[in-house]
Amino acid sequence: MSTQMSDDEIRKLAQRRVAAKKGFFIHLIIYIIVNALLVSIWAISGGGYMWFLWAAGGWGVGVIFHCLGVFAFSREDSDWEQNEIRKEMDKIKRNQG
């Protein structure tokens, strides 16, 4: 059973989605900058063993999971979550009155 969301609920959901996307893009930009610096340090120090790949690879996995969480598997608008929020709101209202 799905109910219509109010304009306020829609706005809050949209704000959370935009904040999640912004957080991902900030994460991605920092990842690119830091890894570019690591590659520069590696190149300036004479090359050799590509140690920077350990940091880029490990952190890259985190960036991929962050991306999937924001764009592919967004949990914010799931019916289950909305139902649980409504249940908790009903409990709080009952306990107040």
N, C-alpha and C. Protein backbone atom coordinates (compact mmCIF):
# COMPACT_ATOMS: atom_id res chain seq x y z
N MET A 1 0.84 -1.17 0.00
CA MET A 1 0.00 0.00 0.00
C MET A 1 0.89 1.24 0.00
N SER A 2 0.78 2.01 -1.02
CA SER A 2 1.62 3.19 -1.16
C SER A 2 0.75 4.43 -1.05
N THR A 3 1.20 5.39 -0.26
CA THR A 3 0.47 6.64 -0.11
C THR A 3 1.23 7.75 -0.79
N GLN A 4 0.51 8.79 -1.15
CA GLN A 4 1.12 9.94 -1.79
C GLN A 4 1.97 10.69 -0.78
N MET A 5 3.12 11.14 -1.23
CA MET A 5 3.99 11.93 -0.37
C MET A 5 3.58 13.39 -0.46
N SER A 6 3.68 14.09 0.66
CA SER A 6 3.38 15.52 0.64
C SER A 6 4.53 16.26 -0.05
N ASP A 7 4.27 17.51 -0.40
CA ASP A 7 5.31 18.32 -1.03
C ASP A 7 6.52 18.46 -0.12
N ASP A 8 6.28 18.56 1.19
CA ASP A 8 7.38 18.67 2.15
C ASP A 8 8.23 17.40 2.17
N GLU A 9 7.56 16.24 2.15
CA GLU A 9 8.29 14.97 2.13
C GLU A 9 9.08 14.81 0.83
N ILE A 10 8.48 15.21 -0.28
CA ILE A 10 9.16 15.13 -1.57
C ILE A 10 10.39 16.02 -1.56
N ARG A 11 10.25 17.23 -1.01
CA ARG A 11 11.38 18.16 -0.94
C ARG A 11 12.51 17.60 -0.07
N LYS A 12 12.15 17.03 1.08
CA LYS A 12 13.17 16.46 1.97
C LYS A 12 13.89 15.29 1.30
N LEU A 13 13.14 14.44 0.62
CA LEU A 13 13.75 13.32 -0.08
C LEU A 13 14.68 13.82 -1.19
N ALA A 14 14.22 14.82 -1.93
CA ALA A 14 15.05 15.39 -3.00
C ALA A 14 16.32 16.02 -2.42
N GLN A 15 16.20 16.70 -1.28
CA GLN A 15 17.37 17.30 -0.64
C GLN A 15 18.37 16.22 -0.20
N ARG A 16 17.87 15.11 0.35
CA ARG A 16 18.76 14.02 0.75
C ARG A 16 19.46 13.41 -0.45
N ARG A 17 18.73 13.25 -1.56
CA ARG A 17 19.34 12.69 -2.77
C ARG A 17 20.42 13.61 -3.33
N VAL A 18 20.13 14.91 -3.36
CA VAL A 18 21.11 15.88 -3.85
C VAL A 18 22.34 15.89 -2.94
N ALA A 19 22.13 15.84 -1.62
CA ALA A 19 23.25 15.81 -0.68
C ALA A 19 24.09 14.55 -0.88
N ALA A 20 23.44 13.42 -1.14
CA ALA A 20 24.17 12.17 -1.38
C ALA A 20 25.00 12.26 -2.66
N LYS A 21 24.43 12.83 -3.70
CA LYS A 21 25.16 12.99 -4.96
C LYS A 21 26.33 13.95 -4.79
N LYS A 22 26.10 15.04 -4.08
CA LYS A 22 27.16 16.01 -3.82
C LYS A 22 28.29 15.35 -3.03
N GLY A 23 27.94 14.58 -2.03
CA GLY A 23 28.95 13.87 -1.24
C GLY A 23 29.77 12.92 -2.09
N PHE A 24 29.12 12.22 -3.01
CA PHE A 24 29.86 11.31 -3.88
C PHE A 24 30.83 12.08 -4.77
N PHE A 25 30.36 13.17 -5.38
CA PHE A 25 31.23 13.91 -6.29
C PHE A 25 32.40 14.55 -5.55
N ILE A 26 32.18 15.01 -4.33
CA ILE A 26 33.29 15.52 -3.52
C ILE A 26 34.29 14.40 -3.25
N HIS A 27 33.80 13.22 -2.90
CA HIS A 27 34.66 12.06 -2.66
C HIS A 27 35.47 11.73 -3.91
N LEU A 28 34.81 11.73 -5.07
CA LEU A 28 35.48 11.42 -6.32
C LEU A 28 36.56 12.44 -6.66
N ILE A 29 36.27 13.72 -6.48
CA ILE A 29 37.26 14.77 -6.78
C ILE A 29 38.47 14.65 -5.87
N ILE A 30 38.24 14.40 -4.58
CA ILE A 30 39.35 14.24 -3.65
C ILE A 30 40.18 13.01 -4.03
N TYR A 31 39.51 11.93 -4.41
CA TYR A 31 40.20 10.71 -4.86
C TYR A 31 41.12 11.01 -6.05
N ILE A 32 40.60 11.73 -7.02
CA ILE A 32 41.38 12.06 -8.22
C ILE A 32 42.58 12.94 -7.87
N ILE A 33 42.36 13.97 -7.07
CA ILE A 33 43.44 14.90 -6.71
C ILE A 33 44.53 14.19 -5.93
N VAL A 34 44.14 13.43 -4.90
CA VAL A 34 45.14 12.75 -4.06
C VAL A 34 45.93 11.74 -4.88
N ASN A 35 45.23 10.98 -5.72
CA ASN A 35 45.95 9.98 -6.51
C ASN A 35 46.83 10.61 -7.58
N ALA A 36 46.42 11.76 -8.11
CA ALA A 36 47.28 12.48 -9.05
C ALA A 36 48.56 12.94 -8.33
N LEU A 37 48.42 13.39 -7.10
CA LEU A 37 49.59 13.78 -6.31
C LEU A 37 50.50 12.58 -6.03
N LEU A 38 49.89 11.44 -5.71
CA LEU A 38 50.69 10.24 -5.45
C LEU A 38 51.45 9.80 -6.70
N VAL A 39 50.80 9.87 -7.84
CA VAL A 39 51.46 9.50 -9.10
C VAL A 39 52.59 10.49 -9.38
N SER A 40 52.36 11.77 -9.10
CA SER A 40 53.41 12.79 -9.30
C SER A 40 54.61 12.51 -8.41
N ILE A 41 54.35 12.19 -7.15
CA ILE A 41 55.45 11.86 -6.23
C ILE A 41 56.21 10.65 -6.73
N TRP A 42 55.49 9.65 -7.17
CA TRP A 42 56.13 8.44 -7.71
C TRP A 42 57.01 8.78 -8.91
N ALA A 43 56.47 9.60 -9.83
CA ALA A 43 57.22 9.95 -11.04
C ALA A 43 58.45 10.80 -10.72
N ILE A 44 58.29 11.75 -9.81
CA ILE A 44 59.41 12.63 -9.44
C ILE A 44 60.51 11.85 -8.73
N SER A 45 60.10 10.85 -7.97
CA SER A 45 61.09 10.07 -7.22
C SER A 45 61.79 9.02 -8.07
N GLY A 46 61.53 9.01 -9.36
CA GLY A 46 62.28 8.12 -10.25
C GLY A 46 61.51 6.92 -10.74
N GLY A 47 60.24 6.84 -10.46
CA GLY A 47 59.44 5.71 -10.96
C GLY A 47 59.74 4.44 -10.20
N GLY A 48 59.92 3.38 -10.89
CA GLY A 48 60.17 2.10 -10.24
C GLY A 48 58.86 1.41 -9.90
N TYR A 49 58.86 0.75 -8.75
CA TYR A 49 57.68 0.02 -8.29
C TYR A 49 56.49 0.96 -8.16
N MET A 50 55.37 0.60 -8.74
CA MET A 50 54.18 1.47 -8.74
C MET A 50 53.38 1.29 -7.45
N TRP A 51 53.93 1.76 -6.35
CA TRP A 51 53.32 1.62 -5.03
C TRP A 51 52.00 2.38 -4.91
N PHE A 52 51.82 3.43 -5.69
CA PHE A 52 50.61 4.25 -5.61
C PHE A 52 49.36 3.47 -6.00
N LEU A 53 49.55 2.36 -6.74
CA LEU A 53 48.40 1.56 -7.15
C LEU A 53 47.68 0.92 -5.96
N TRP A 54 48.43 0.66 -4.88
CA TRP A 54 47.79 0.10 -3.68
C TRP A 54 46.77 1.08 -3.10
N ALA A 55 47.16 2.33 -3.00
CA ALA A 55 46.24 3.35 -2.49
C ALA A 55 45.10 3.59 -3.47
N ALA A 56 45.43 3.72 -4.75
CA ALA A 56 44.40 3.98 -5.76
C ALA A 56 43.40 2.83 -5.84
N GLY A 57 43.91 1.61 -5.78
CA GLY A 57 43.03 0.45 -5.87
C GLY A 57 42.14 0.28 -4.66
N GLY A 58 42.72 0.36 -3.48
CA GLY A 58 41.93 0.21 -2.26
C GLY A 58 40.88 1.29 -2.12
N TRP A 59 41.31 2.51 -2.30
CA TRP A 59 40.38 3.63 -2.19
C TRP A 59 39.37 3.60 -3.34
N GLY A 60 39.82 3.14 -4.51
CA GLY A 60 38.93 3.05 -5.67
C GLY A 60 37.75 2.12 -5.41
N VAL A 61 37.99 1.04 -4.68
CA VAL A 61 36.89 0.14 -4.31
C VAL A 61 35.86 0.90 -3.48
N GLY A 62 36.35 1.71 -2.55
CA GLY A 62 35.44 2.52 -1.75
C GLY A 62 34.65 3.51 -2.58
N VAL A 63 35.29 4.12 -3.56
CA VAL A 63 34.60 5.07 -4.44
C VAL A 63 33.53 4.35 -5.26
N ILE A 64 33.84 3.15 -5.72
CA ILE A 64 32.86 2.37 -6.50
C ILE A 64 31.65 2.03 -5.64
N PHE A 65 31.88 1.58 -4.40
CA PHE A 65 30.75 1.26 -3.52
C PHE A 65 29.95 2.50 -3.17
N HIS A 66 30.63 3.63 -3.00
CA HIS A 66 29.93 4.89 -2.75
C HIS A 66 29.04 5.23 -3.93
N CYS A 67 29.57 5.09 -5.13
CA CYS A 67 28.81 5.37 -6.36
C CYS A 67 27.59 4.45 -6.45
N LEU A 68 27.78 3.18 -6.21
CA LEU A 68 26.66 2.23 -6.27
C LEU A 68 25.60 2.57 -5.23
N GLY A 69 26.04 2.95 -4.04
CA GLY A 69 25.10 3.30 -2.99
C GLY A 69 24.28 4.53 -3.32
N VAL A 70 24.88 5.47 -4.02
CA VAL A 70 24.17 6.72 -4.34
C VAL A 70 23.30 6.56 -5.58
N PHE A 71 23.82 5.92 -6.62
CA PHE A 71 23.12 5.92 -7.90
C PHE A 71 22.38 4.62 -8.22
N ALA A 72 22.85 3.49 -7.74
CA ALA A 72 22.24 2.23 -8.15
C ALA A 72 21.34 1.61 -7.07
N PHE A 73 21.77 1.67 -5.83
CA PHE A 73 21.03 1.00 -4.76
C PHE A 73 20.56 1.98 -3.71
N SER A 74 19.96 3.08 -4.14
CA SER A 74 19.47 4.09 -3.21
C SER A 74 18.39 3.48 -2.33
N ARG A 75 18.55 3.59 -1.03
CA ARG A 75 17.60 3.01 -0.08
C ARG A 75 16.62 4.04 0.46
N GLU A 76 16.82 5.29 0.15
CA GLU A 76 16.02 6.34 0.77
C GLU A 76 14.55 6.29 0.41
N ASP A 77 14.23 5.86 -0.78
CA ASP A 77 12.85 5.92 -1.21
C ASP A 77 12.20 4.54 -1.24
N SER A 78 12.74 3.60 -0.49
CA SER A 78 12.15 2.27 -0.49
C SER A 78 10.85 2.27 0.30
N ASP A 79 9.91 1.47 -0.14
CA ASP A 79 8.63 1.37 0.57
C ASP A 79 8.84 0.86 1.98
N TRP A 80 9.75 -0.08 2.17
CA TRP A 80 10.00 -0.62 3.50
C TRP A 80 10.43 0.48 4.46
N GLU A 81 11.37 1.31 4.01
CA GLU A 81 11.85 2.37 4.88
C GLU A 81 10.74 3.35 5.21
N GLN A 82 9.95 3.72 4.22
CA GLN A 82 8.84 4.65 4.46
C GLN A 82 7.83 4.05 5.43
N ASN A 83 7.55 2.76 5.29
CA ASN A 83 6.63 2.10 6.21
C ASN A 83 7.18 2.09 7.64
N GLU A 84 8.46 1.82 7.77
CA GLU A 84 9.08 1.82 9.11
C GLU A 84 9.06 3.21 9.73
N ILE A 85 9.30 4.23 8.94
CA ILE A 85 9.25 5.60 9.45
C ILE A 85 7.84 5.92 9.93
N ARG A 86 6.83 5.54 9.16
CA ARG A 86 5.44 5.79 9.57
C ARG A 86 5.11 5.05 10.86
N LYS A 87 5.57 3.80 10.98
CA LYS A 87 5.33 3.04 12.21
C LYS A 87 5.93 3.74 13.42
N GLU A 88 7.18 4.20 13.27
CA GLU A 88 7.84 4.88 14.38
C GLU A 88 7.13 6.19 14.72
N MET A 89 6.69 6.91 13.70
CA MET A 89 5.96 8.15 13.94
C MET A 89 4.66 7.87 14.69
N ASP A 90 3.96 6.80 14.31
CA ASP A 90 2.72 6.43 15.00
C ASP A 90 2.99 6.06 16.46
N LYS A 91 4.08 5.32 16.72
CA LYS A 91 4.44 4.96 18.10
C LYS A 91 4.70 6.21 18.93
N ILE A 92 5.44 7.14 18.36
CA ILE A 92 5.77 8.37 19.08
C ILE A 92 4.51 9.16 19.38
N LYS A 93 3.61 9.25 18.42
CA LYS A 93 2.36 9.98 18.63
C LYS A 93 1.50 9.32 19.70
N ARG A 94 1.44 7.97 19.69
CA ARG A 94 0.67 7.26 20.72
C ARG A 94 1.25 7.48 22.10
N ASN A 95 2.57 7.48 22.21
CA ASN A 95 3.21 7.64 23.52
C ASN A 95 3.08 9.06 24.05
N GLN A 96 2.91 10.03 23.18
CA GLN A 96 2.74 11.40 23.61
C GLN A 96 1.36 11.67 24.17
N GLY A 97 0.37 10.99 23.64
CA GLY A 97 -1.02 11.31 24.00
C GLY A 97 -1.66 10.34 24.84
